[in-house]
N, C-alpha and C. Protein backbone atom coordinates (compact mmCIF):
# COMPACT_ATOMS: atom_id res chain seq x y z
N MET A 1 0.82 -1.19 0.00
CA MET A 1 -0.01 -0.01 -0.01
C MET A 1 0.88 1.25 0.00
N LYS A 2 1.90 1.30 0.86
CA LYS A 2 2.79 2.46 0.89
C LYS A 2 3.58 2.61 -0.38
N LYS A 3 3.96 1.46 -0.96
CA LYS A 3 4.69 1.51 -2.24
C LYS A 3 3.85 2.12 -3.32
N ASN A 4 2.56 1.76 -3.38
CA ASN A 4 1.66 2.34 -4.38
C ASN A 4 1.50 3.85 -4.23
N ILE A 5 1.33 4.29 -2.98
CA ILE A 5 1.23 5.72 -2.73
C ILE A 5 2.45 6.46 -3.12
N LEU A 6 3.60 5.90 -2.75
CA LEU A 6 4.86 6.55 -3.11
C LEU A 6 5.06 6.53 -4.63
N LEU A 7 4.66 5.50 -5.31
CA LEU A 7 4.77 5.44 -6.76
C LEU A 7 3.89 6.52 -7.37
N VAL A 8 2.65 6.67 -6.94
CA VAL A 8 1.74 7.70 -7.47
C VAL A 8 2.28 9.11 -7.22
N VAL A 9 2.77 9.36 -6.00
CA VAL A 9 3.35 10.66 -5.70
C VAL A 9 4.56 10.91 -6.54
N GLY A 10 5.39 9.94 -6.76
CA GLY A 10 6.58 10.08 -7.61
C GLY A 10 6.25 10.39 -9.03
N VAL A 11 5.24 9.68 -9.59
CA VAL A 11 4.80 9.93 -10.96
C VAL A 11 4.23 11.34 -11.10
N LEU A 12 3.40 11.75 -10.15
CA LEU A 12 2.83 13.11 -10.18
C LEU A 12 3.88 14.15 -10.08
N PHE A 13 4.91 13.89 -9.30
CA PHE A 13 6.03 14.86 -9.14
C PHE A 13 6.76 15.00 -10.47
N VAL A 14 7.06 13.87 -11.12
CA VAL A 14 7.79 13.91 -12.40
C VAL A 14 6.96 14.59 -13.45
N VAL A 15 5.65 14.27 -13.52
CA VAL A 15 4.78 14.93 -14.49
C VAL A 15 4.70 16.47 -14.24
N GLY A 16 4.62 16.85 -12.96
CA GLY A 16 4.61 18.24 -12.61
C GLY A 16 5.87 18.97 -13.01
N ILE A 17 6.99 18.36 -12.79
CA ILE A 17 8.29 18.96 -13.21
C ILE A 17 8.33 19.06 -14.73
N GLY A 18 7.88 18.02 -15.42
CA GLY A 18 7.88 18.06 -16.86
C GLY A 18 6.99 19.18 -17.44
N TYR A 19 5.82 19.32 -16.88
CA TYR A 19 4.94 20.37 -17.36
C TYR A 19 5.50 21.73 -17.03
N GLY A 20 6.12 21.91 -15.84
CA GLY A 20 6.75 23.18 -15.49
C GLY A 20 7.83 23.54 -16.49
N LEU A 21 8.65 22.61 -16.87
CA LEU A 21 9.74 22.88 -17.82
C LEU A 21 9.14 23.23 -19.18
N TYR A 22 8.08 22.54 -19.58
CA TYR A 22 7.45 22.83 -20.87
C TYR A 22 6.89 24.25 -20.88
N ALA A 23 6.16 24.61 -19.84
CA ALA A 23 5.53 25.93 -19.72
C ALA A 23 6.63 27.02 -19.69
N TRP A 24 7.72 26.79 -19.00
CA TRP A 24 8.83 27.77 -18.85
C TRP A 24 9.47 27.98 -20.25
N ASN A 25 9.64 26.95 -21.01
CA ASN A 25 10.39 27.03 -22.27
C ASN A 25 9.49 27.25 -23.48
N LYS A 26 8.20 27.34 -23.27
CA LYS A 26 7.25 27.49 -24.38
C LYS A 26 7.47 28.82 -25.06
N PRO A 27 7.49 28.84 -26.41
CA PRO A 27 7.70 30.09 -27.10
C PRO A 27 6.63 31.15 -26.74
N LYS A 28 7.07 32.38 -26.59
CA LYS A 28 6.15 33.47 -26.25
C LYS A 28 5.34 33.87 -27.48
N ARG A 29 4.08 34.09 -27.25
CA ARG A 29 3.17 34.55 -28.35
C ARG A 29 3.53 35.98 -28.79
N THR A 30 3.66 36.21 -30.07
CA THR A 30 3.90 37.53 -30.61
C THR A 30 2.88 37.82 -31.68
N SER A 31 2.70 39.10 -31.95
CA SER A 31 1.73 39.52 -32.94
C SER A 31 2.31 39.40 -34.36
N GLU A 32 3.61 39.27 -34.46
CA GLU A 32 4.28 39.34 -35.73
C GLU A 32 3.79 38.19 -36.72
N ASP A 33 3.59 37.03 -36.17
CA ASP A 33 3.23 35.89 -37.05
C ASP A 33 1.75 35.65 -37.16
N GLU A 34 0.91 36.41 -36.49
CA GLU A 34 -0.54 36.20 -36.50
C GLU A 34 -1.26 37.23 -37.39
N LYS A 35 -2.33 36.76 -37.96
CA LYS A 35 -3.20 37.65 -38.79
C LYS A 35 -4.10 38.43 -37.80
N PRO A 36 -4.21 39.75 -38.01
CA PRO A 36 -5.03 40.55 -37.07
C PRO A 36 -6.50 40.20 -37.14
N ALA A 37 -7.18 40.26 -36.01
CA ALA A 37 -8.61 39.99 -35.92
C ALA A 37 -9.38 41.21 -36.41
N ALA A 38 -8.72 42.40 -36.32
CA ALA A 38 -9.37 43.66 -36.75
C ALA A 38 -8.27 44.62 -37.10
N ALA A 39 -8.61 45.55 -38.04
CA ALA A 39 -7.70 46.64 -38.43
C ALA A 39 -8.51 47.95 -38.35
N LEU A 40 -8.03 48.85 -37.52
CA LEU A 40 -8.76 50.12 -37.36
C LEU A 40 -7.85 51.23 -36.88
N GLU A 41 -8.37 52.44 -36.92
CA GLU A 41 -7.61 53.61 -36.49
C GLU A 41 -7.53 53.56 -34.96
N ALA A 42 -6.44 54.09 -34.41
CA ALA A 42 -6.22 54.12 -32.96
C ALA A 42 -7.37 54.85 -32.26
N ALA A 43 -7.82 55.96 -32.83
CA ALA A 43 -8.90 56.74 -32.21
C ALA A 43 -10.20 55.92 -32.14
N ASP A 44 -10.50 55.12 -33.19
CA ASP A 44 -11.71 54.28 -33.18
C ASP A 44 -11.61 53.18 -32.14
N LEU A 45 -10.44 52.56 -31.99
CA LEU A 45 -10.28 51.54 -30.97
C LEU A 45 -10.47 52.14 -29.57
N PHE A 46 -9.85 53.28 -29.35
CA PHE A 46 -10.00 53.93 -28.03
C PHE A 46 -11.46 54.28 -27.75
N GLN A 47 -12.16 54.81 -28.73
CA GLN A 47 -13.55 55.23 -28.61
C GLN A 47 -14.45 53.99 -28.27
N GLN A 48 -14.19 52.86 -28.93
CA GLN A 48 -14.97 51.66 -28.62
C GLN A 48 -14.78 51.25 -27.19
N PHE A 49 -13.55 51.26 -26.69
CA PHE A 49 -13.32 50.92 -25.28
C PHE A 49 -13.91 51.92 -24.31
N SER A 50 -13.86 53.21 -24.69
CA SER A 50 -14.45 54.25 -23.84
C SER A 50 -15.96 54.14 -23.74
N GLU A 51 -16.61 53.83 -24.82
CA GLU A 51 -18.06 53.81 -24.88
C GLU A 51 -18.64 52.52 -24.24
N ASN A 52 -18.03 51.37 -24.47
CA ASN A 52 -18.56 50.15 -23.96
C ASN A 52 -17.39 49.13 -23.82
N GLU A 53 -16.78 49.17 -22.63
CA GLU A 53 -15.60 48.32 -22.42
C GLU A 53 -15.91 46.83 -22.52
N THR A 54 -17.09 46.41 -22.08
CA THR A 54 -17.46 45.00 -22.11
C THR A 54 -17.50 44.49 -23.53
N ASN A 55 -18.18 45.24 -24.42
CA ASN A 55 -18.25 44.85 -25.84
C ASN A 55 -16.89 44.87 -26.50
N ALA A 56 -16.08 45.86 -26.19
CA ALA A 56 -14.74 45.99 -26.78
C ALA A 56 -13.84 44.86 -26.28
N ASN A 57 -13.98 44.49 -25.04
CA ASN A 57 -13.21 43.35 -24.50
C ASN A 57 -13.58 42.06 -25.22
N THR A 58 -14.90 41.86 -25.47
CA THR A 58 -15.35 40.67 -26.24
C THR A 58 -14.75 40.64 -27.63
N ALA A 59 -14.67 41.83 -28.25
CA ALA A 59 -14.20 41.89 -29.62
C ALA A 59 -12.69 41.85 -29.77
N TYR A 60 -11.93 42.39 -28.79
CA TYR A 60 -10.49 42.58 -29.01
C TYR A 60 -9.58 41.96 -27.95
N LEU A 61 -10.03 41.69 -26.76
CA LEU A 61 -9.14 41.23 -25.69
C LEU A 61 -8.43 39.94 -26.04
N ASN A 62 -7.12 39.90 -25.89
CA ASN A 62 -6.24 38.77 -26.16
C ASN A 62 -6.21 38.39 -27.67
N LYS A 63 -6.62 39.33 -28.52
CA LYS A 63 -6.59 39.09 -29.95
C LYS A 63 -5.60 40.08 -30.59
N VAL A 64 -5.04 39.71 -31.73
CA VAL A 64 -4.17 40.61 -32.44
C VAL A 64 -4.98 41.67 -33.15
N VAL A 65 -4.61 42.92 -32.90
CA VAL A 65 -5.32 44.02 -33.50
C VAL A 65 -4.32 44.92 -34.24
N GLU A 66 -4.68 45.31 -35.45
CA GLU A 66 -3.85 46.26 -36.19
C GLU A 66 -4.38 47.67 -36.05
N VAL A 67 -3.59 48.57 -35.58
CA VAL A 67 -3.98 49.98 -35.41
C VAL A 67 -3.09 50.90 -36.22
N SER A 68 -3.66 51.97 -36.66
CA SER A 68 -2.88 52.99 -37.37
C SER A 68 -3.20 54.35 -36.74
N GLY A 69 -2.24 55.21 -36.75
CA GLY A 69 -2.43 56.52 -36.17
C GLY A 69 -1.15 57.31 -36.11
N LYS A 70 -1.27 58.49 -35.51
CA LYS A 70 -0.18 59.43 -35.37
C LYS A 70 0.52 59.24 -34.01
N ILE A 71 1.83 59.16 -34.00
CA ILE A 71 2.56 58.97 -32.76
C ILE A 71 2.60 60.28 -31.98
N THR A 72 2.22 60.21 -30.72
CA THR A 72 2.32 61.41 -29.85
C THR A 72 3.59 61.35 -28.98
N LEU A 73 4.02 60.16 -28.64
CA LEU A 73 5.16 59.99 -27.74
C LEU A 73 5.80 58.63 -27.91
N ILE A 74 7.08 58.55 -27.76
CA ILE A 74 7.83 57.29 -27.68
C ILE A 74 8.62 57.29 -26.42
N ASP A 75 8.49 56.19 -25.65
CA ASP A 75 9.10 56.09 -24.34
C ASP A 75 9.61 54.68 -24.12
N THR A 76 10.21 54.41 -23.03
CA THR A 76 10.56 53.04 -22.64
C THR A 76 9.91 52.73 -21.29
N ASP A 77 9.51 51.48 -21.09
CA ASP A 77 8.89 51.09 -19.85
C ASP A 77 9.97 50.63 -18.84
N ALA A 78 9.57 50.17 -17.68
CA ALA A 78 10.49 49.74 -16.61
C ALA A 78 11.38 48.57 -17.04
N ALA A 79 10.88 47.74 -17.97
CA ALA A 79 11.63 46.61 -18.45
C ALA A 79 12.57 46.97 -19.61
N GLY A 80 12.56 48.25 -20.00
CA GLY A 80 13.39 48.73 -21.07
C GLY A 80 12.84 48.49 -22.49
N LEU A 81 11.55 48.18 -22.57
CA LEU A 81 10.91 47.96 -23.86
C LEU A 81 10.33 49.28 -24.37
N GLU A 82 10.39 49.41 -25.69
CA GLU A 82 9.87 50.64 -26.33
C GLU A 82 8.37 50.64 -26.30
N VAL A 83 7.82 51.80 -25.91
CA VAL A 83 6.35 52.01 -25.91
C VAL A 83 6.04 53.21 -26.80
N VAL A 84 5.16 52.97 -27.78
CA VAL A 84 4.72 54.03 -28.69
C VAL A 84 3.27 54.37 -28.34
N TYR A 85 3.00 55.66 -28.17
CA TYR A 85 1.67 56.13 -27.85
C TYR A 85 1.05 56.73 -29.08
N LEU A 86 -0.14 56.29 -29.44
CA LEU A 86 -0.84 56.78 -30.61
C LEU A 86 -1.95 57.75 -30.20
N GLU A 87 -2.13 58.76 -30.96
CA GLU A 87 -3.12 59.87 -30.69
C GLU A 87 -4.54 59.35 -30.84
N THR A 88 -5.40 59.82 -29.94
CA THR A 88 -6.83 59.59 -30.03
C THR A 88 -7.56 60.93 -29.89
N ALA A 89 -8.89 60.90 -29.99
CA ALA A 89 -9.67 62.13 -29.87
C ALA A 89 -9.74 62.61 -28.41
N ASP A 90 -9.44 61.71 -27.44
CA ASP A 90 -9.47 62.02 -26.02
C ASP A 90 -8.15 62.70 -25.60
N MET A 91 -8.26 63.77 -24.83
CA MET A 91 -7.07 64.51 -24.41
C MET A 91 -6.16 63.71 -23.45
N LEU A 92 -6.79 62.85 -22.66
CA LEU A 92 -6.06 62.10 -21.64
C LEU A 92 -5.71 60.67 -22.03
N GLY A 93 -6.40 60.07 -22.98
CA GLY A 93 -6.20 58.69 -23.33
C GLY A 93 -5.50 58.49 -24.65
N THR A 94 -4.74 57.39 -24.73
CA THR A 94 -4.05 57.05 -25.97
C THR A 94 -4.17 55.54 -26.17
N VAL A 95 -3.57 55.08 -27.24
CA VAL A 95 -3.38 53.66 -27.47
C VAL A 95 -1.89 53.43 -27.26
N SER A 96 -1.53 52.65 -26.19
CA SER A 96 -0.09 52.43 -25.97
C SER A 96 0.31 51.08 -26.55
N CYS A 97 1.39 51.08 -27.30
CA CYS A 97 1.86 49.88 -28.01
C CYS A 97 3.25 49.57 -27.48
N THR A 98 3.38 48.49 -26.73
CA THR A 98 4.67 48.06 -26.22
C THR A 98 5.26 47.00 -27.17
N PHE A 99 6.46 47.32 -27.64
CA PHE A 99 7.08 46.42 -28.60
C PHE A 99 7.76 45.23 -27.89
N SER A 100 7.95 44.18 -28.67
CA SER A 100 8.60 42.99 -28.10
C SER A 100 10.06 43.28 -27.87
N LYS A 101 10.69 42.43 -27.04
CA LYS A 101 12.11 42.57 -26.75
C LYS A 101 12.89 42.52 -28.08
N ASP A 102 13.87 43.31 -28.22
CA ASP A 102 14.71 43.40 -29.41
C ASP A 102 13.98 43.94 -30.63
N LYS A 103 12.82 44.52 -30.47
CA LYS A 103 12.08 45.12 -31.56
C LYS A 103 11.85 46.60 -31.21
N ASN A 104 11.96 47.44 -32.23
CA ASN A 104 11.73 48.87 -32.06
C ASN A 104 10.95 49.36 -33.23
N SER A 105 10.33 50.52 -33.07
CA SER A 105 9.54 51.11 -34.16
C SER A 105 10.41 51.85 -35.14
N ASN A 106 11.54 52.37 -34.70
CA ASN A 106 12.41 53.25 -35.51
C ASN A 106 11.59 54.41 -36.11
N ALA A 107 10.71 54.96 -35.29
CA ALA A 107 9.81 56.02 -35.73
C ALA A 107 10.06 57.26 -34.83
N SER A 108 9.35 58.31 -35.12
CA SER A 108 9.46 59.55 -34.33
C SER A 108 8.11 60.18 -34.10
N PRO A 109 7.95 60.95 -33.03
CA PRO A 109 6.66 61.60 -32.78
C PRO A 109 6.18 62.42 -33.97
N GLY A 110 4.87 62.40 -34.20
CA GLY A 110 4.30 63.10 -35.31
C GLY A 110 4.12 62.23 -36.59
N GLN A 111 4.83 61.13 -36.58
CA GLN A 111 4.77 60.22 -37.76
C GLN A 111 3.52 59.36 -37.76
N GLU A 112 2.96 59.11 -38.91
CA GLU A 112 1.85 58.17 -39.04
C GLU A 112 2.48 56.77 -39.10
N ILE A 113 1.83 55.83 -38.41
CA ILE A 113 2.39 54.50 -38.30
C ILE A 113 1.27 53.46 -38.23
N LYS A 114 1.63 52.21 -38.64
CA LYS A 114 0.69 51.12 -38.54
C LYS A 114 1.38 50.01 -37.72
N ILE A 115 0.72 49.61 -36.65
CA ILE A 115 1.24 48.61 -35.69
C ILE A 115 0.22 47.58 -35.45
N LYS A 116 0.71 46.30 -35.25
CA LYS A 116 -0.23 45.29 -34.74
C LYS A 116 0.35 44.74 -33.43
N GLY A 117 -0.58 44.45 -32.51
CA GLY A 117 -0.22 43.92 -31.23
C GLY A 117 -1.37 43.18 -30.61
N ILE A 118 -1.07 42.48 -29.48
CA ILE A 118 -2.10 41.75 -28.74
C ILE A 118 -2.75 42.67 -27.76
N CYS A 119 -4.06 42.79 -27.86
CA CYS A 119 -4.81 43.71 -27.00
C CYS A 119 -4.85 43.16 -25.59
N ASP A 120 -4.39 44.00 -24.65
CA ASP A 120 -4.33 43.62 -23.26
C ASP A 120 -5.37 44.31 -22.40
N GLY A 121 -6.28 45.10 -23.04
CA GLY A 121 -7.36 45.71 -22.32
C GLY A 121 -7.29 47.21 -22.24
N PHE A 122 -8.06 47.76 -21.33
CA PHE A 122 -8.24 49.20 -21.20
C PHE A 122 -7.98 49.64 -19.75
N LEU A 123 -7.05 50.51 -19.58
CA LEU A 123 -6.86 51.16 -18.28
C LEU A 123 -7.18 52.64 -18.51
N THR A 124 -6.24 53.51 -18.47
CA THR A 124 -6.45 54.86 -18.93
C THR A 124 -6.27 54.89 -20.45
N ASP A 125 -5.43 54.02 -20.90
CA ASP A 125 -5.15 53.83 -22.34
C ASP A 125 -5.61 52.46 -22.80
N VAL A 126 -5.77 52.31 -24.07
CA VAL A 126 -5.93 50.94 -24.62
C VAL A 126 -4.50 50.36 -24.71
N VAL A 127 -4.28 49.21 -24.18
CA VAL A 127 -2.95 48.66 -24.11
C VAL A 127 -2.73 47.51 -25.13
N LEU A 128 -1.73 47.64 -25.97
CA LEU A 128 -1.36 46.58 -26.88
C LEU A 128 0.05 46.12 -26.47
N LYS A 129 0.29 44.80 -26.44
CA LYS A 129 1.63 44.30 -26.08
C LYS A 129 2.16 43.44 -27.21
N GLU A 130 3.46 43.12 -27.11
CA GLU A 130 4.09 42.28 -28.15
C GLU A 130 3.86 42.83 -29.53
N CYS A 131 4.03 44.14 -29.71
CA CYS A 131 3.76 44.84 -30.92
C CYS A 131 4.86 44.66 -31.95
N SER A 132 4.47 44.86 -33.22
CA SER A 132 5.40 44.85 -34.31
C SER A 132 4.87 45.82 -35.38
N LEU A 133 5.79 46.31 -36.19
CA LEU A 133 5.40 47.20 -37.26
C LEU A 133 4.74 46.41 -38.41
N VAL A 134 3.76 47.06 -39.07
CA VAL A 134 3.15 46.49 -40.24
C VAL A 134 3.77 47.20 -41.42
N GLN A 135 4.30 46.42 -42.34
CA GLN A 135 4.96 46.98 -43.51
C GLN A 135 3.96 47.29 -44.62
C-alpha cells in the first residue's frame, strides 16, 4: 500500500516537473506571425473601449489588433521595452503599443504608423503588447 502511494506521488512529481519545464520554455506569443482579428484607427479603438468596455473586451481582448495613427510620444517602460503612444480624440487617453524585446519602431513623434499587437485591455489607455510594425 505504501509503495503504491509513493509510486503515485513520484509519478505526479515527475509529471509536474515536466509540465513546468514545458511551460517555462514554451515560445512566447507575438503579434508578428498572427493575422489581425481587426484593423482600425487608434482613435476608433479607443472610442470603442471608452463607450462600452465590455463589448470591446469581447471583440479585442487577447486578440491581435492592427492599429494605425499618429505617434504622440515614444518612451521606454520599466523593463526597457519601447512604448509608442498613438493619438486619439481624447485628451487624456491614448493607445499604448509596447514592442517585443529586441524590436523597435524606428519612428518619431508626429509620424503616421501602422502597428499590430495583442490587445491587453483598457486602463487609462488601450494597451497593446508584443507589438510589431506592419509594412
